[in-house]
Each structure stands twice: as C-alpha cells, then as structure tokens.
Amino acid sequence: MGFQTEFNSVCKFKSEQELFELLEYGRGKMVKQGFRVFPTGQKVIAYTPDNVAVAIVKIVASIAEINFQGQEVTEVEMQLIRKLNEEESRVQTALADEMFFGDQAQE
C-alpha cells in the first residue's frame, strides 16, 4: 500500500462518461485505481482515454480510500476552467505524447 504521484500537468480520463460529464456540466469526477496524489487547487490539462488534450481543469478535491469492495481507489473532483481550442489541443497532445504517454508504451 502506498501513494502513487500523478503528473502535475496531466489528468487522464479512463472513462468517456466521466469526461463527458465534466465537459457537459462544468464539474465532474473520475475514479482511479490505487491511492494517488492529485494536486488539489492546481489547474491541469485533461486528456481523453486516447491521450488527446481537451481542457484545462482545476482539481477541487482528491479523496483516497478503500471502497466497499476492498479496493484502493482515489476519487478526483474537478471543475472545468475551459475547453482547449484546436491548436492548443494539438500542441499539448504532442508534448504529452513526447513527455509522458509515449514512454509508457515502451515500458
């Protein structure tokens, strides 16, 4: 048992539904497996499950717990600051692929 640190600039969704709710309603949450540390109060880039940058969000809460099934999970609540335009998305997606996501595929 231990905490895994997330990238300070990355908030990657695994669920299209969680991402849709954030973009549609301006607030949302995602659930991650394991205990993780998210930078509460910080603005980060949100990515789709396909690693495409879509928005700037603010982390408003990060709650690590053991759920009723006995699994370690972290719930992250966030507020939509704004959606990225096409150019911003293209640049952030390319940078994240080089800095974060591209390396994970090779490990």
PDB file of N, CA and C in Angstrom:
ATOM      1  N   MET A   1       0.847  -1.174   0.000  1.00  0.00           N
ATOM      2  CA  MET A   1       0.000   0.000   0.000  1.00  0.00           C
ATOM      3  C   MET A   1       0.894   1.239   0.000  1.00  0.00           C
ATOM      4  N   GLY A   2       0.534   2.180  -0.824  1.00  0.00           N
ATOM      5  CA  GLY A   2       1.303   3.415  -0.894  1.00  0.00           C
ATOM      6  C   GLY A   2       0.665   4.346  -1.897  1.00  0.00           C
ATOM      7  N   PHE A   3       1.091   5.576  -1.883  1.00  0.00           N
ATOM      8  CA  PHE A   3       0.535   6.570  -2.790  1.00  0.00           C
ATOM      9  C   PHE A   3       1.383   6.672  -4.046  1.00  0.00           C
ATOM     10  N   GLN A   4       0.712   6.781  -5.184  1.00  0.00           N
ATOM     11  CA  GLN A   4       1.389   6.993  -6.456  1.00  0.00           C
ATOM     12  C   GLN A   4       1.175   8.453  -6.844  1.00  0.00           C
ATOM     13  N   THR A   5       2.232   9.152  -7.198  1.00  0.00           N
ATOM     14  CA  THR A   5       2.118  10.563  -7.554  1.00  0.00           C
ATOM     15  C   THR A   5       1.735  10.699  -9.017  1.00  0.00           C
ATOM     16  N   GLU A   6       0.772  11.545  -9.310  1.00  0.00           N
ATOM     17  CA  GLU A   6       0.368  11.821 -10.685  1.00  0.00           C
ATOM     18  C   GLU A   6       1.198  12.970 -11.227  1.00  0.00           C
ATOM     19  N   PHE A   7       1.278  13.073 -12.541  1.00  0.00           N
ATOM     20  CA  PHE A   7       1.957  14.205 -13.154  1.00  0.00           C
ATOM     21  C   PHE A   7       1.228  15.478 -12.753  1.00  0.00           C
ATOM     22  N   ASN A   8       1.959  16.528 -12.444  1.00  0.00           N
ATOM     23  CA  ASN A   8       1.331  17.777 -12.035  1.00  0.00           C
ATOM     24  C   ASN A   8       0.565  18.458 -13.152  1.00  0.00           C
ATOM     25  N   SER A   9       0.789  18.073 -14.406  1.00  0.00           N
ATOM     26  CA  SER A   9       0.102  18.749 -15.502  1.00  0.00           C
ATOM     27  C   SER A   9      -0.842  17.842 -16.261  1.00  0.00           C
ATOM     28  N   VAL A  10      -1.048  16.622 -15.791  1.00  0.00           N
ATOM     29  CA  VAL A  10      -1.833  15.647 -16.540  1.00  0.00           C
ATOM     30  C   VAL A  10      -2.977  15.083 -15.696  1.00  0.00           C
ATOM     31  N   CYS A  11      -4.142  15.044 -16.289  1.00  0.00           N
ATOM     32  CA  CYS A  11      -5.312  14.438 -15.664  1.00  0.00           C
ATOM     33  C   CYS A  11      -5.981  13.606 -16.755  1.00  0.00           C
ATOM     34  N   LYS A  12      -5.626  12.330 -16.849  1.00  0.00           N
ATOM     35  CA  LYS A  12      -6.111  11.479 -17.941  1.00  0.00           C
ATOM     36  C   LYS A  12      -7.334  10.681 -17.516  1.00  0.00           C
ATOM     37  N   PHE A  13      -8.391  10.820 -18.306  1.00  0.00           N
ATOM     38  CA  PHE A  13      -9.622  10.083 -18.061  1.00  0.00           C
ATOM     39  C   PHE A  13      -9.526   8.688 -18.663  1.00  0.00           C
ATOM     40  N   LYS A  14     -10.015   7.708 -17.954  1.00  0.00           N
ATOM     41  CA  LYS A  14     -10.125   6.346 -18.473  1.00  0.00           C
ATOM     42  C   LYS A  14     -11.546   6.080 -18.964  1.00  0.00           C
ATOM     43  N   SER A  15     -12.497   6.898 -18.516  1.00  0.00           N
ATOM     44  CA  SER A  15     -13.905   6.712 -18.847  1.00  0.00           C
ATOM     45  C   SER A  15     -14.423   7.875 -19.684  1.00  0.00           C
ATOM     46  N   GLU A  16     -14.967   7.560 -20.862  1.00  0.00           N
ATOM     47  CA  GLU A  16     -15.573   8.594 -21.713  1.00  0.00           C
ATOM     48  C   GLU A  16     -16.748   9.258 -20.994  1.00  0.00           C
ATOM     49  N   GLN A  17     -17.495   8.498 -20.192  1.00  0.00           N
ATOM     50  CA  GLN A  17     -18.657   9.040 -19.484  1.00  0.00           C
ATOM     51  C   GLN A  17     -18.233  10.100 -18.465  1.00  0.00           C
ATOM     52  N   GLU A  18     -17.173   9.832 -17.714  1.00  0.00           N
ATOM     53  CA  GLU A  18     -16.698  10.814 -16.738  1.00  0.00           C
ATOM     54  C   GLU A  18     -16.239  12.095 -17.438  1.00  0.00           C
ATOM     55  N   LEU A  19     -15.547  11.954 -18.558  1.00  0.00           N
ATOM     56  CA  LEU A  19     -15.097  13.122 -19.324  1.00  0.00           C
ATOM     57  C   LEU A  19     -16.285  13.889 -19.883  1.00  0.00           C
ATOM     58  N   PHE A  20     -17.272  13.181 -20.422  1.00  0.00           N
ATOM     59  CA  PHE A  20     -18.473  13.825 -20.965  1.00  0.00           C
ATOM     60  C   PHE A  20     -19.170  14.663 -19.904  1.00  0.00           C
ATOM     61  N   GLU A  21     -19.329  14.114 -18.700  1.00  0.00           N
ATOM     62  CA  GLU A  21     -19.999  14.849 -17.627  1.00  0.00           C
ATOM     63  C   GLU A  21     -19.251  16.122 -17.269  1.00  0.00           C
ATOM     64  N   LEU A  22     -17.928  16.066 -17.230  1.00  0.00           N
ATOM     65  CA  LEU A  22     -17.133  17.253 -16.941  1.00  0.00           C
ATOM     66  C   LEU A  22     -17.341  18.311 -18.030  1.00  0.00           C
ATOM     67  N   LEU A  23     -17.231  17.913 -19.288  1.00  0.00           N
ATOM     68  CA  LEU A  23     -17.364  18.871 -20.387  1.00  0.00           C
ATOM     69  C   LEU A  23     -18.786  19.389 -20.528  1.00  0.00           C
ATOM     70  N   GLU A  24     -19.768  18.567 -20.225  1.00  0.00           N
ATOM     71  CA  GLU A  24     -21.177  18.958 -20.366  1.00  0.00           C
ATOM     72  C   GLU A  24     -21.659  19.843 -19.220  1.00  0.00           C
ATOM     73  N   TYR A  25     -21.293  19.510 -17.996  1.00  0.00           N
ATOM     74  CA  TYR A  25     -21.841  20.191 -16.823  1.00  0.00           C
ATOM     75  C   TYR A  25     -20.858  21.135 -16.130  1.00  0.00           C
ATOM     76  N   GLY A  26     -19.588  21.118 -16.525  1.00  0.00           N
ATOM     77  CA  GLY A  26     -18.615  22.028 -15.937  1.00  0.00           C
ATOM     78  C   GLY A  26     -17.999  21.540 -14.641  1.00  0.00           C
ATOM     79  N   ARG A  27     -18.495  20.459 -14.112  1.00  0.00           N
ATOM     80  CA  ARG A  27     -17.938  19.828 -12.913  1.00  0.00           C
ATOM     81  C   ARG A  27     -18.039  18.322 -13.114  1.00  0.00           C
ATOM     82  N   GLY A  28     -17.130  17.618 -12.510  1.00  0.00           N
ATOM     83  CA  GLY A  28     -17.183  16.174 -12.643  1.00  0.00           C
ATOM     84  C   GLY A  28     -16.176  15.517 -11.740  1.00  0.00           C
ATOM     85  N   LYS A  29     -16.145  14.192 -11.823  1.00  0.00           N
ATOM     86  CA  LYS A  29     -15.163  13.452 -11.035  1.00  0.00           C
ATOM     87  C   LYS A  29     -14.731  12.233 -11.833  1.00  0.00           C
ATOM     88  N   MET A  30     -13.590  11.737 -11.458  1.00  0.00           N
ATOM     89  CA  MET A  30     -13.123  10.478 -12.030  1.00  0.00           C
ATOM     90  C   MET A  30     -12.603   9.616 -10.900  1.00  0.00           C
ATOM     91  N   VAL A  31     -12.639   8.336 -11.119  1.00  0.00           N
ATOM     92  CA  VAL A  31     -12.162   7.377 -10.130  1.00  0.00           C
ATOM     93  C   VAL A  31     -10.949   6.675 -10.714  1.00  0.00           C
ATOM     94  N   LYS A  32      -9.862   6.654  -9.955  1.00  0.00           N
ATOM     95  CA  LYS A  32      -8.626   5.994 -10.354  1.00  0.00           C
ATOM     96  C   LYS A  32      -8.357   4.833  -9.410  1.00  0.00           C
ATOM     97  N   GLN A  33      -7.784   3.769  -9.924  1.00  0.00           N
ATOM     98  CA  GLN A  33      -7.410   2.622  -9.096  1.00  0.00           C
ATOM     99  C   GLN A  33      -6.158   2.967  -8.300  1.00  0.00           C
ATOM    100  N   GLY A  34      -6.107   2.518  -7.068  1.00  0.00           N
ATOM    101  CA  GLY A  34      -4.951   2.737  -6.211  1.00  0.00           C
ATOM    102  C   GLY A  34      -4.993   4.085  -5.521  1.00  0.00           C
ATOM    103  N   PHE A  35      -4.156   4.231  -4.526  1.00  0.00           N
ATOM    104  CA  PHE A  35      -4.035   5.510  -3.833  1.00  0.00           C
ATOM    105  C   PHE A  35      -3.136   6.405  -4.668  1.00  0.00           C
ATOM    106  N   ARG A  36      -3.622   7.574  -5.009  1.00  0.00           N
ATOM    107  CA  ARG A  36      -2.864   8.504  -5.837  1.00  0.00           C
ATOM    108  C   ARG A  36      -2.941   9.894  -5.225  1.00  0.00           C
ATOM    109  N   VAL A  37      -1.941  10.703  -5.512  1.00  0.00           N
ATOM    110  CA  VAL A  37      -1.908  12.077  -5.022  1.00  0.00           C
ATOM    111  C   VAL A  37      -2.151  13.001  -6.211  1.00  0.00           C
ATOM    112  N   PHE A  38      -3.222  13.763  -6.171  1.00  0.00           N
ATOM    113  CA  PHE A  38      -3.516  14.766  -7.192  1.00  0.00           C
ATOM    114  C   PHE A  38      -3.349  16.142  -6.559  1.00  0.00           C
ATOM    115  N   PRO A  39      -2.855  17.102  -7.314  1.00  0.00           N
ATOM    116  CA  PRO A  39      -2.543  18.437  -6.777  1.00  0.00           C
ATOM    117  C   PRO A  39      -3.788  19.299  -6.575  1.00  0.00           C
ATOM    118  N   THR A  40      -4.455  19.146  -5.444  1.00  0.00           N
ATOM    119  CA  THR A  40      -5.674  19.887  -5.152  1.00  0.00           C
ATOM    120  C   THR A  40      -5.422  21.385  -5.237  1.00  0.00           C
ATOM    121  N   GLY A  41      -6.324  22.075  -5.941  1.00  0.00           N
ATOM    122  CA  GLY A  41      -6.205  23.515  -6.114  1.00  0.00           C
ATOM    123  C   GLY A  41      -5.435  23.918  -7.356  1.00  0.00           C
ATOM    124  N   GLN A  42      -4.779  22.969  -8.004  1.00  0.00           N
ATOM    125  CA  GLN A  42      -3.958  23.274  -9.179  1.00  0.00           C
ATOM    126  C   GLN A  42      -4.753  23.074 -10.469  1.00  0.00           C
ATOM    127  N   LYS A  43      -4.429  23.870 -11.472  1.00  0.00           N
ATOM    128  CA  LYS A  43      -5.000  23.699 -12.807  1.00  0.00           C
ATOM    129  C   LYS A  43      -4.130  22.700 -13.563  1.00  0.00           C
ATOM    130  N   VAL A  44      -4.791  21.793 -14.279  1.00  0.00           N
ATOM    131  CA  VAL A  44      -4.085  20.769 -15.051  1.00  0.00           C
ATOM    132  C   VAL A  44      -4.774  20.588 -16.401  1.00  0.00           C
ATOM    133  N   ILE A  45      -4.096  19.905 -17.303  1.00  0.00           N
ATOM    134  CA  ILE A  45      -4.656  19.591 -18.613  1.00  0.00           C
ATOM    135  C   ILE A  45      -5.380  18.247 -18.506  1.00  0.00           C
ATOM    136  N   ALA A  46      -6.610  18.192 -19.011  1.00  0.00           N
ATOM    137  CA  ALA A  46      -7.383  16.951 -19.038  1.00  0.00           C
ATOM    138  C   ALA A  46      -7.222  16.287 -20.399  1.00  0.00           C
ATOM    139  N   TYR A  47      -7.035  14.971 -20.371  1.00  0.00           N
ATOM    140  CA  TYR A  47      -6.843  14.187 -21.588  1.00  0.00           C
ATOM    141  C   TYR A  47      -7.919  13.119 -21.709  1.00  0.00           C
ATOM    142  N   THR A  48      -8.278  12.809 -22.955  1.00  0.00           N
ATOM    143  CA  THR A  48      -9.231  11.738 -23.233  1.00  0.00           C
ATOM    144  C   THR A  48      -8.554  10.392 -22.999  1.00  0.00           C
ATOM    145  N   PRO A  49      -9.320   9.303 -23.003  1.00  0.00           N
ATOM    146  CA  PRO A  49      -8.697   7.979 -22.906  1.00  0.00           C
ATOM    147  C   PRO A  49      -7.716   7.699 -24.046  1.00  0.00           C
ATOM    148  N   ASP A  50      -7.859   8.418 -25.173  1.00  0.00           N
ATOM    149  CA  ASP A  50      -6.954   8.257 -26.319  1.00  0.00           C
ATOM    150  C   ASP A  50      -5.774   9.231 -26.276  1.00  0.00           C
ATOM    151  N   ASN A  51      -5.530   9.855 -25.129  1.00  0.00           N
ATOM    152  CA  ASN A  51      -4.395  10.762 -24.916  1.00  0.00           C
ATOM    153  C   ASN A  51      -4.475  12.057 -25.721  1.00  0.00           C
ATOM    154  N   VAL A  52      -5.671  12.573 -25.933  1.00  0.00           N
ATOM    155  CA  VAL A  52      -5.851  13.847 -26.630  1.00  0.00           C
ATOM    156  C   VAL A  52      -6.203  14.911 -25.598  1.00  0.00           C
ATOM    157  N   ALA A  53      -5.458  16.022 -25.599  1.00  0.00           N
ATOM    158  CA  ALA A  53      -5.713  17.126 -24.666  1.00  0.00           C
ATOM    159  C   ALA A  53      -7.031  17.800 -25.048  1.00  0.00           C
ATOM    160  N   VAL A  54      -7.920  18.014 -24.059  1.00  0.00           N
ATOM    161  CA  VAL A  54      -9.223  18.590 -24.371  1.00  0.00           C
ATOM    162  C   VAL A  54      -9.589  19.815 -23.548  1.00  0.00           C
ATOM    163  N   ALA A  55      -9.026  19.971 -22.351  1.00  0.00           N
ATOM    164  CA  ALA A  55      -9.492  21.064 -21.495  1.00  0.00           C
ATOM    165  C   ALA A  55      -8.484  21.385 -20.400  1.00  0.00           C
ATOM    166  N   ILE A  56      -8.685  22.561 -19.809  1.00  0.00           N
ATOM    167  CA  ILE A  56      -7.984  22.935 -18.583  1.00  0.00           C
ATOM    168  C   ILE A  56      -8.999  22.767 -17.459  1.00  0.00           C
ATOM    169  N   VAL A  57      -8.606  22.044 -16.421  1.00  0.00           N
ATOM    170  CA  VAL A  57      -9.486  21.810 -15.286  1.00  0.00           C
ATOM    171  C   VAL A  57      -8.764  22.179 -14.001  1.00  0.00           C
ATOM    172  N   LYS A  58      -9.532  22.437 -12.968  1.00  0.00           N
ATOM    173  CA  LYS A  58      -8.966  22.703 -11.642  1.00  0.00           C
ATOM    174  C   LYS A  58      -9.358  21.549 -10.737  1.00  0.00           C
ATOM    175  N   ILE A  59      -8.373  20.961 -10.074  1.00  0.00           N
ATOM    176  CA  ILE A  59      -8.626  19.875  -9.132  1.00  0.00           C
ATOM    177  C   ILE A  59      -9.182  20.500  -7.852  1.00  0.00           C
ATOM    178  N   VAL A  60     -10.403  20.147  -7.477  1.00  0.00           N
ATOM    179  CA  VAL A  60     -11.003  20.726  -6.277  1.00  0.00           C
ATOM    180  C   VAL A  60     -10.990  19.769  -5.092  1.00  0.00           C
ATOM    181  N   ALA A  61     -10.854  18.470  -5.345  1.00  0.00           N
ATOM    182  CA  ALA A  61     -10.770  17.501  -4.245  1.00  0.00           C
ATOM    183  C   ALA A  61     -10.110  16.224  -4.745  1.00  0.00           C
ATOM    184  N   SER A  62      -9.386  15.576  -3.869  1.00  0.00           N
ATOM    185  CA  SER A  62      -8.762  14.288  -4.161  1.00  0.00           C
ATOM    186  C   SER A  62      -8.906  13.434  -2.910  1.00  0.00           C
ATOM    187  N   ILE A  63      -9.684  12.374  -3.024  1.00  0.00           N
ATOM    188  CA  ILE A  63     -10.012  11.553  -1.867  1.00  0.00           C
ATOM    189  C   ILE A  63      -9.560  10.114  -2.118  1.00  0.00           C
ATOM    190  N   ALA A  64      -8.582   9.646  -1.351  1.00  0.00           N
ATOM    191  CA  ALA A  64      -8.100   8.274  -1.460  1.00  0.00           C
ATOM    192  C   ALA A  64      -8.749   7.447  -0.359  1.00  0.00           C
ATOM    193  N   GLU A  65      -9.281   6.278  -0.747  1.00  0.00           N
ATOM    194  CA  GLU A  65      -9.979   5.444   0.232  1.00  0.00           C
ATOM    195  C   GLU A  65      -9.990   3.987  -0.208  1.00  0.00           C
ATOM    196  N   ILE A  66     -10.420   3.151   0.688  1.00  0.00           N
ATOM    197  CA  ILE A  66     -10.684   1.751   0.357  1.00  0.00           C
ATOM    198  C   ILE A  66     -12.198   1.638   0.228  1.00  0.00           C
ATOM    199  N   ASN A  67     -12.669   1.221  -0.970  1.00  0.00           N
ATOM    200  CA  ASN A  67     -14.114   1.167  -1.213  1.00  0.00           C
ATOM    201  C   ASN A  67     -14.731  -0.087  -0.582  1.00  0.00           C
ATOM    202  N   PHE A  68     -16.033  -0.261  -0.801  1.00  0.00           N
ATOM    203  CA  PHE A  68     -16.749  -1.380  -0.180  1.00  0.00           C
ATOM    204  C   PHE A  68     -16.317  -2.738  -0.733  1.00  0.00           C
ATOM    205  N   GLN A  69     -15.683  -2.743  -1.894  1.00  0.00           N
ATOM    206  CA  GLN A  69     -15.178  -3.993  -2.460  1.00  0.00           C
ATOM    207  C   GLN A  69     -13.754  -4.289  -1.982  1.00  0.00           C
ATOM    208  N   GLY A  70     -13.211  -3.423  -1.108  1.00  0.00           N
ATOM    209  CA  GLY A  70     -11.874  -3.614  -0.576  1.00  0.00           C
ATOM    210  C   GLY A  70     -10.762  -3.127  -1.484  1.00  0.00           C
ATOM    211  N   GLN A  71     -11.107  -2.376  -2.517  1.00  0.00           N
ATOM    212  CA  GLN A  71     -10.112  -1.862  -3.455  1.00  0.00           C
ATOM    213  C   GLN A  71      -9.636  -0.473  -3.034  1.00  0.00           C
ATOM    214  N   GLU A  72      -8.351  -0.207  -3.258  1.00  0.00           N
ATOM    215  CA  GLU A  72      -7.813   1.131  -3.031  1.00  0.00           C
ATOM    216  C   GLU A  72      -8.170   1.981  -4.244  1.00  0.00           C
ATOM    217  N   VAL A  73      -8.872   3.078  -4.025  1.00  0.00           N
ATOM    218  CA  VAL A  73      -9.278   3.966  -5.116  1.00  0.00           C
ATOM    219  C   VAL A  73      -9.077   5.421  -4.709  1.00  0.00           C
ATOM    220  N   THR A  74      -8.963   6.282  -5.704  1.00  0.00           N
ATOM    221  CA  THR A  74      -8.886   7.716  -5.477  1.00  0.00           C
ATOM    222  C   THR A  74      -9.943   8.382  -6.336  1.00  0.00           C
ATOM    223  N   GLU A  75     -10.796   9.171  -5.716  1.00  0.00           N
ATOM    224  CA  GLU A  75     -11.783   9.960  -6.441  1.00  0.00           C
ATOM    225  C   GLU A  75     -11.241  11.367  -6.578  1.00  0.00           C
ATOM    226  N   VAL A  76     -11.291  11.885  -7.790  1.00  0.00           N
ATOM    227  CA  VAL A  76     -10.783  13.211  -8.070  1.00  0.00           C
ATOM    228  C   VAL A  76     -11.937  14.061  -8.583  1.00  0.00           C
ATOM    229  N   GLU A  77     -12.254  15.129  -7.861  1.00  0.00           N
ATOM    230  CA  GLU A  77     -13.314  16.042  -8.291  1.00  0.00           C
ATOM    231  C   GLU A  77     -12.665  17.247  -8.933  1.00  0.00           C
ATOM    232  N   MET A  78     -13.265  17.711 -10.042  1.00  0.00           N
ATOM    233  CA  MET A  78     -12.670  18.822 -10.765  1.00  0.00           C
ATOM    234  C   MET A  78     -13.724  19.755 -11.340  1.00  0.00           C
ATOM    235  N   GLN A  79     -13.261  20.942 -11.660  1.00  0.00           N
ATOM    236  CA  GLN A  79     -14.091  21.991 -12.238  1.00  0.00           C
ATOM    237  C   GLN A  79     -13.483  22.360 -13.590  1.00  0.00           C
ATOM    238  N   LEU A  80     -14.320  22.473 -14.599  1.00  0.00           N
ATOM    239  CA  LEU A  80     -13.857  22.857 -15.925  1.00  0.00           C
ATOM    240  C   LEU A  80     -13.512  24.336 -15.931  1.00  0.00           C
ATOM    241  N   ILE A  81     -12.299  24.666 -16.323  1.00  0.00           N
ATOM    242  CA  ILE A  81     -11.909  26.064 -16.496  1.00  0.00           C
ATOM    243  C   ILE A  81     -12.284  26.492 -17.910  1.00  0.00           C
ATOM    244  N   ARG A  82     -11.812  25.749 -18.908  1.00  0.00           N
ATOM    245  CA  ARG A  82     -12.223  25.991 -20.291  1.00  0.00           C
ATOM    246  C   ARG A  82     -11.757  24.850 -21.175  1.00  0.00           C
ATOM    247  N   LYS A  83     -12.446  24.681 -22.302  1.00  0.00           N
ATOM    248  CA  LYS A  83     -12.024  23.707 -23.302  1.00  0.00           C
ATOM    249  C   LYS A  83     -10.867  24.309 -24.097  1.00  0.00           C
ATOM    250  N   LEU A  84      -9.993  23.463 -24.576  1.00  0.00           N
ATOM    251  CA  LEU A  84      -8.882  23.905 -25.410  1.00  0.00           C
ATOM    252  C   LEU A  84      -9.354  24.083 -26.849  1.00  0.00           C
ATOM    253  N   ASN A  85      -8.779  25.076 -27.542  1.00  0.00           N
ATOM    254  CA  ASN A  85      -9.095  25.198 -28.964  1.00  0.00           C
ATOM    255  C   ASN A  85      -8.257  24.169 -29.730  1.00  0.00           C
ATOM    256  N   GLU A  86      -8.476  24.068 -31.029  1.00  0.00           N
ATOM    257  CA  GLU A  86      -7.834  23.026 -31.832  1.00  0.00           C
ATOM    258  C   GLU A  86      -6.308  23.111 -31.791  1.00  0.00           C
ATOM    259  N   GLU A  87      -5.769  24.304 -31.913  1.00  0.00           N
ATOM    260  CA  GLU A  87      -4.313  24.480 -31.912  1.00  0.00           C
ATOM    261  C   GLU A  87      -3.712  24.129 -30.545  1.00  0.00           C
ATOM    262  N   GLU A  88      -4.335  24.603 -29.466  1.00  0.00           N
ATOM    263  CA  GLU A  88      -3.852  24.285 -28.118  1.00  0.00           C
ATOM    264  C   GLU A  88      -3.878  22.774 -27.883  1.00  0.00           C
ATOM    265  N   SER A  89      -4.948  22.140 -28.312  1.00  0.00           N
ATOM    266  CA  SER A  89      -5.080  20.697 -28.146  1.00  0.00           C
ATOM    267  C   SER A  89      -3.986  19.962 -28.911  1.00  0.00           C
ATOM    268  N   ARG A  90      -3.724  20.369 -30.132  1.00  0.00           N
ATOM    269  CA  ARG A  90      -2.704  19.722 -30.955  1.00  0.00           C
ATOM    270  C   ARG A  90      -1.327  19.823 -30.299  1.00  0.00           C
ATOM    271  N   VAL A  91      -0.969  21.024 -29.825  1.00  0.00           N
ATOM    272  CA  VAL A  91       0.341  21.236 -29.211  1.00  0.00           C
ATOM    273  C   VAL A  91       0.459  20.460 -27.899  1.00  0.00           C
ATOM    274  N   GLN A  92      -0.539  20.560 -27.030  1.00  0.00           N
ATOM    275  CA  GLN A  92      -0.489  19.861 -25.735  1.00  0.00           C
ATOM    276  C   GLN A  92      -0.474  18.347 -25.926  1.00  0.00           C
ATOM    277  N   THR A  93      -1.216  17.855 -26.894  1.00  0.00           N
ATOM    278  CA  THR A  93      -1.249  16.420 -27.164  1.00  0.00           C
ATOM    279  C   THR A  93       0.129  15.932 -27.605  1.00  0.00           C
ATOM    280  N   ALA A  94       0.765  16.688 -28.513  1.00  0.00           N
ATOM    281  CA  ALA A  94       2.101  16.306 -28.996  1.00  0.00           C
ATOM    282  C   ALA A  94       3.129  16.343 -27.863  1.00  0.00           C
ATOM    283  N   LEU A  95       3.079  17.375 -27.029  1.00  0.00           N
ATOM    284  CA  LEU A  95       4.027  17.472 -25.912  1.00  0.00           C
ATOM    285  C   LEU A  95       3.828  16.341 -24.912  1.00  0.00           C
ATOM    286  N   ALA A  96       2.584  16.057 -24.576  1.00  0.00           N
ATOM    287  CA  ALA A  96       2.310  14.992 -23.606  1.00  0.00           C
ATOM    288  C   ALA A  96       2.727  13.631 -24.147  1.00  0.00           C
ATOM    289  N   ASP A  97       2.554  13.433 -25.448  1.00  0.00           N
ATOM    290  CA  ASP A  97       2.980  12.166 -26.038  1.00  0.00           C
ATOM    291  C   ASP A  97       4.492  12.008 -25.895  1.00  0.00           C
ATOM    292  N   GLU A  98       5.220  13.090 -26.138  1.00  0.00           N
ATOM    293  CA  GLU A  98       6.678  13.039 -26.022  1.00  0.00           C
ATOM    294  C   GLU A  98       7.134  12.914 -24.572  1.00  0.00           C
ATOM    295  N   MET A  99       6.466  13.624 -23.658  1.00  0.00           N
ATOM    296  CA  MET A  99       6.921  13.671 -22.270  1.00  0.00           C
ATOM    297  C   MET A  99       6.396  12.528 -21.403  1.00  0.00           C
ATOM    298  N   PHE A 100       5.156  12.096 -21.629  1.00  0.00           N
ATOM    299  CA  PHE A 100       4.533  11.138 -20.712  1.00  0.00           C
ATOM    300  C   PHE A 100       4.064   9.859 -21.392  1.00  0.00           C
ATOM    301  N   PHE A 101       3.117   9.992 -22.303  1.00  0.00           N
ATOM    302  CA  PHE A 101       2.411   8.825 -22.828  1.00  0.00           C
ATOM    303  C   PHE A 101       3.267   7.968 -23.745  1.00  0.00           C
ATOM    304  N   GLY A 102       4.121   8.572 -24.548  1.00  0.00           N
ATOM    305  CA  GLY A 102       4.970   7.817 -25.465  1.00  0.00           C
ATOM    306  C   GLY A 102       5.911   6.867 -24.754  1.00  0.00           C
ATOM    307  N   ASP A 103       6.473   7.305 -23.629  1.00  0.00           N
ATOM    308  CA  ASP A 103       7.400   6.464 -22.867  1.00  0.00           C
ATOM    309  C   ASP A 103       6.700   5.272 -22.221  1.00  0.00           C
ATOM    310  N   GLN A 104       5.448   5.457 -21.826  1.00  0.00           N
ATOM    311  CA  GLN A 104       4.726   4.366 -21.164  1.00  0.00           C
ATOM    312  C   GLN A 104       4.503   3.189 -22.103  1.00  0.00           C
ATOM    313  N   ALA A 105       4.344   3.473 -23.384  1.00  0.00           N
ATOM    314  CA  ALA A 105       4.110   2.402 -24.348  1.00  0.00           C
ATOM    315  C   ALA A 105       5.352   1.526 -24.512  1.00  0.00           C
ATOM    316  N   GLN A 106       6.532   2.091 -24.260  1.00  0.00           N
ATOM    317  CA  GLN A 106       7.771   1.344 -24.438  1.00  0.00           C
ATOM    318  C   GLN A 106       8.170   0.572 -23.201  1.00  0.00           C
ATOM    319  N   GLU A 107       7.576   0.838 -22.065  1.00  0.00           N
ATOM    320  CA  GLU A 107       7.960   0.169 -20.811  1.00  0.00           C
ATOM    321  C   GLU A 107       7.390  -1.224 -20.710  1.00  0.00           C
TER     322      GLU A 107
END
